[in-house]
Amino acid sequence: MITGMEIRNQQFGKKFRGYDPEEVKKFIYNLAQDYENLYSENVVLRENIQKVKYELDHYRKLEETMNNSLILAQQTAEMIKANAQKESEMILEESRKRIAETFHVYQEVLQRLNMMTAEIKAQLSGEMEMLEKSQRKTEELSEFFFSKDTKVLLEKLASIKPEEK
């Protein structure tokens, strides 16, 4: 690539009836100045492009990191959700088992209470029957001992004196 200095120092051979050397020098000077300005601007633009490329790469990496973080967060959220679902199902199943066991225990207790009630009723019924029999016997004996015939018999016995021998 040609530099501004090379343009300024360029020498042309002279010929008869050639261009005006002052005009050529002025034109070359202006051309060199424009070329240097363009070259400097080009260098600045290249540097800016490099900065922008670096920043773009940085932002792309940042975007990729954020995307990966987002994916990881989504996966973690799904995993937490799945674990919570499993845990809730386990809690629900455990609760169902405990409720079923509790009902089973209550059923057994009620069966035992019913059996005990039936046994107590049977015992009480037997005892009542025995009490009724006993009361009937007592009444029969009372009738016997308090009857007129027994009074007469006791009076006769009381009047009998033993024989003397």
Protein backbone atom coordinates (compact mmCIF):
# COMPACT_ATOMS: atom_id res chain seq x y z
CA MET A 1 0.00 0.00 0.00
CA ILE A 2 1.32 3.38 -0.93
CA THR A 3 1.78 5.99 1.76
CA GLY A 4 1.20 9.76 1.70
CA MET A 5 4.92 10.33 1.99
CA GLU A 6 5.55 8.21 -1.11
CA ILE A 7 2.95 10.21 -3.00
CA ARG A 8 4.63 13.49 -1.93
CA ASN A 9 8.10 12.31 -2.83
CA GLN A 10 7.08 10.88 -6.18
CA GLN A 11 9.20 12.43 -8.92
CA PHE A 12 8.11 12.60 -12.50
CA GLY A 13 10.38 12.89 -15.42
CA LYS A 14 10.23 16.25 -17.25
CA LYS A 15 9.41 16.56 -20.83
CA PHE A 16 9.06 19.40 -23.05
CA ARG A 17 5.66 20.80 -22.90
CA GLY A 18 4.69 18.75 -19.89
CA TYR A 19 2.41 19.68 -17.06
CA ASP A 20 3.00 22.69 -14.89
CA PRO A 21 5.26 21.35 -12.15
CA GLU A 22 3.68 23.62 -9.52
CA GLU A 23 0.20 22.43 -10.35
CA VAL A 24 1.34 18.81 -10.26
CA LYS A 25 3.08 19.34 -6.91
CA LYS A 26 0.02 21.09 -5.50
CA PHE A 27 -2.25 18.34 -6.83
CA ILE A 28 0.07 15.62 -5.43
CA TYR A 29 0.24 17.46 -2.11
CA ASN A 30 -3.55 17.66 -1.91
CA LEU A 31 -3.86 14.06 -3.04
CA ALA A 32 -1.32 12.95 -0.39
CA GLN A 33 -3.17 14.96 2.25
CA ASP A 34 -6.50 13.37 1.29
CA TYR A 35 -4.86 9.97 1.12
CA GLU A 36 -3.35 10.40 4.61
CA ASN A 37 -6.70 11.57 5.93
CA LEU A 38 -8.40 8.56 4.35
CA TYR A 39 -5.65 6.27 5.62
CA SER A 40 -5.95 7.69 9.17
CA GLU A 41 -9.72 7.47 9.00
CA ASN A 42 -9.39 3.91 7.72
CA VAL A 43 -7.09 3.03 10.65
CA VAL A 44 -9.54 4.58 13.12
CA LEU A 45 -12.44 2.76 11.46
CA ARG A 46 -10.53 -0.53 11.57
CA GLU A 47 -9.81 0.02 15.25
CA ASN A 48 -13.47 0.81 15.84
CA ILE A 49 -14.45 -2.31 13.90
CA GLN A 50 -12.06 -4.33 16.07
CA LYS A 51 -13.58 -2.80 19.22
CA VAL A 52 -17.09 -3.47 17.96
CA LYS A 53 -16.11 -7.05 17.02
CA TYR A 54 -14.63 -7.54 20.47
CA GLU A 55 -17.75 -6.11 22.12
CA LEU A 56 -19.97 -8.18 19.81
CA ASP A 57 -18.03 -11.32 20.76
CA HIS A 58 -18.34 -10.31 24.41
CA TYR A 59 -22.09 -9.81 24.06
CA ARG A 60 -22.46 -13.06 22.13
CA LYS A 61 -20.63 -14.89 24.89
CA LEU A 62 -22.77 -13.09 27.44
CA GLU A 63 -25.88 -14.02 25.46
CA GLU A 64 -24.74 -17.63 25.29
CA THR A 65 -24.04 -17.64 29.02
CA MET A 66 -27.45 -16.12 29.71
CA ASN A 67 -29.12 -18.67 27.42
CA ASN A 68 -27.29 -21.48 29.18
CA SER A 69 -28.27 -20.00 32.54
CA LEU A 70 -31.86 -19.72 31.39
CA ILE A 71 -31.85 -23.32 30.16
CA LEU A 72 -30.28 -24.44 33.43
CA ALA A 73 -32.86 -22.44 35.40
CA GLN A 74 -35.67 -23.99 33.35
CA GLN A 75 -34.26 -27.47 33.87
CA THR A 76 -33.84 -26.80 37.58
CA ALA A 77 -37.39 -25.45 37.82
CA GLU A 78 -38.72 -28.52 36.00
CA MET A 79 -36.70 -30.80 38.27
CA ILE A 80 -37.93 -28.97 41.38
CA LYS A 81 -41.48 -29.15 40.06
CA ALA A 82 -41.13 -32.88 39.32
CA ASN A 83 -39.62 -33.51 42.77
CA ALA A 84 -42.40 -31.51 44.42
CA GLN A 85 -44.96 -33.49 42.46
CA LYS A 86 -43.36 -36.78 43.51
CA GLU A 87 -43.14 -35.62 47.13
CA SER A 88 -46.77 -34.52 47.14
CA GLU A 89 -47.79 -37.87 45.66
CA MET A 90 -45.76 -39.66 48.33
CA ILE A 91 -47.33 -37.54 51.08
CA LEU A 92 -50.77 -38.17 49.66
CA GLU A 93 -50.15 -41.91 49.41
CA GLU A 94 -48.75 -41.99 52.96
CA SER A 95 -51.79 -40.05 54.18
CA ARG A 96 -54.10 -42.49 52.42
CA LYS A 97 -52.30 -45.42 54.04
CA ARG A 98 -52.49 -43.83 57.49
CA ILE A 99 -56.18 -43.03 57.06
CA ALA A 100 -56.85 -46.60 55.88
CA GLU A 101 -54.88 -47.98 58.85
CA THR A 102 -56.72 -45.68 61.26
CA PHE A 103 -60.10 -46.76 59.85
CA HIS A 104 -59.01 -50.38 60.11
CA VAL A 105 -58.03 -49.87 63.76
CA TYR A 106 -61.36 -48.15 64.46
CA GLN A 107 -63.22 -50.99 62.77
CA GLU A 108 -61.37 -53.50 64.95
CA VAL A 109 -62.11 -51.45 68.08
CA LEU A 110 -65.80 -51.24 67.13
CA GLN A 111 -65.92 -54.99 66.46
CA ARG A 112 -64.34 -55.68 69.84
CA LEU A 113 -66.74 -53.27 71.55
CA ASN A 114 -69.67 -54.97 69.84
CA MET A 115 -68.35 -58.38 70.91
CA MET A 116 -67.79 -57.17 74.48
CA THR A 117 -71.26 -55.62 74.54
CA ALA A 118 -72.77 -58.88 73.30
CA GLU A 119 -70.78 -60.86 75.90
CA ILE A 120 -71.80 -58.48 78.70
CA LYS A 121 -75.42 -58.66 77.55
CA ALA A 122 -75.20 -62.44 77.52
CA GLN A 123 -73.64 -62.48 80.99
CA LEU A 124 -76.17 -59.99 82.31
CA SER A 125 -78.96 -61.97 80.72
CA GLY A 126 -77.69 -65.12 82.42
CA GLU A 127 -77.32 -63.29 85.73
CA MET A 128 -80.82 -61.81 85.35
CA GLU A 129 -82.20 -65.26 84.65
CA MET A 130 -80.45 -66.61 87.74
CA LEU A 131 -81.74 -63.66 89.80
CA GLU A 132 -85.25 -64.27 88.55
CA LYS A 133 -84.99 -67.99 89.43
CA SER A 134 -83.56 -67.08 92.82
CA GLN A 135 -86.33 -64.58 93.39
CA ARG A 136 -88.97 -67.16 92.39
CA LYS A 137 -87.42 -69.67 94.83
CA THR A 138 -87.33 -67.00 97.54
CA GLU A 139 -90.95 -66.19 96.86
CA GLU A 140 -91.86 -69.89 96.93
CA LEU A 141 -90.01 -70.32 100.20
CA SER A 142 -91.56 -67.15 101.56
CA GLU A 143 -94.98 -68.42 100.60
CA PHE A 144 -94.19 -71.71 102.26
CA PHE A 145 -92.82 -70.23 105.47
CA PHE A 146 -95.38 -67.51 105.73
CA SER A 147 -98.37 -69.65 104.78
CA LYS A 148 -101.17 -70.45 107.19
CA ASP A 149 -100.35 -74.15 107.15
CA THR A 150 -96.78 -73.46 108.30
CA LYS A 151 -98.07 -71.25 111.10
CA VAL A 152 -100.42 -73.97 112.22
CA LEU A 153 -97.67 -76.57 112.02
CA LEU A 154 -95.29 -74.39 114.05
CA GLU A 155 -97.97 -73.80 116.67
CA LYS A 156 -98.62 -77.54 116.93
CA LEU A 157 -94.91 -78.23 117.24
CA ALA A 158 -94.61 -75.63 119.93
CA SER A 159 -97.45 -77.20 121.89
CA ILE A 160 -95.97 -80.70 121.80
CA LYS A 161 -94.15 -81.60 124.90
CA PRO A 162 -91.65 -84.27 125.00
CA GLU A 163 -92.73 -87.45 126.76
CA GLU A 164 -91.08 -88.28 129.87
CA LYS A 165 -89.75 -91.68 130.31
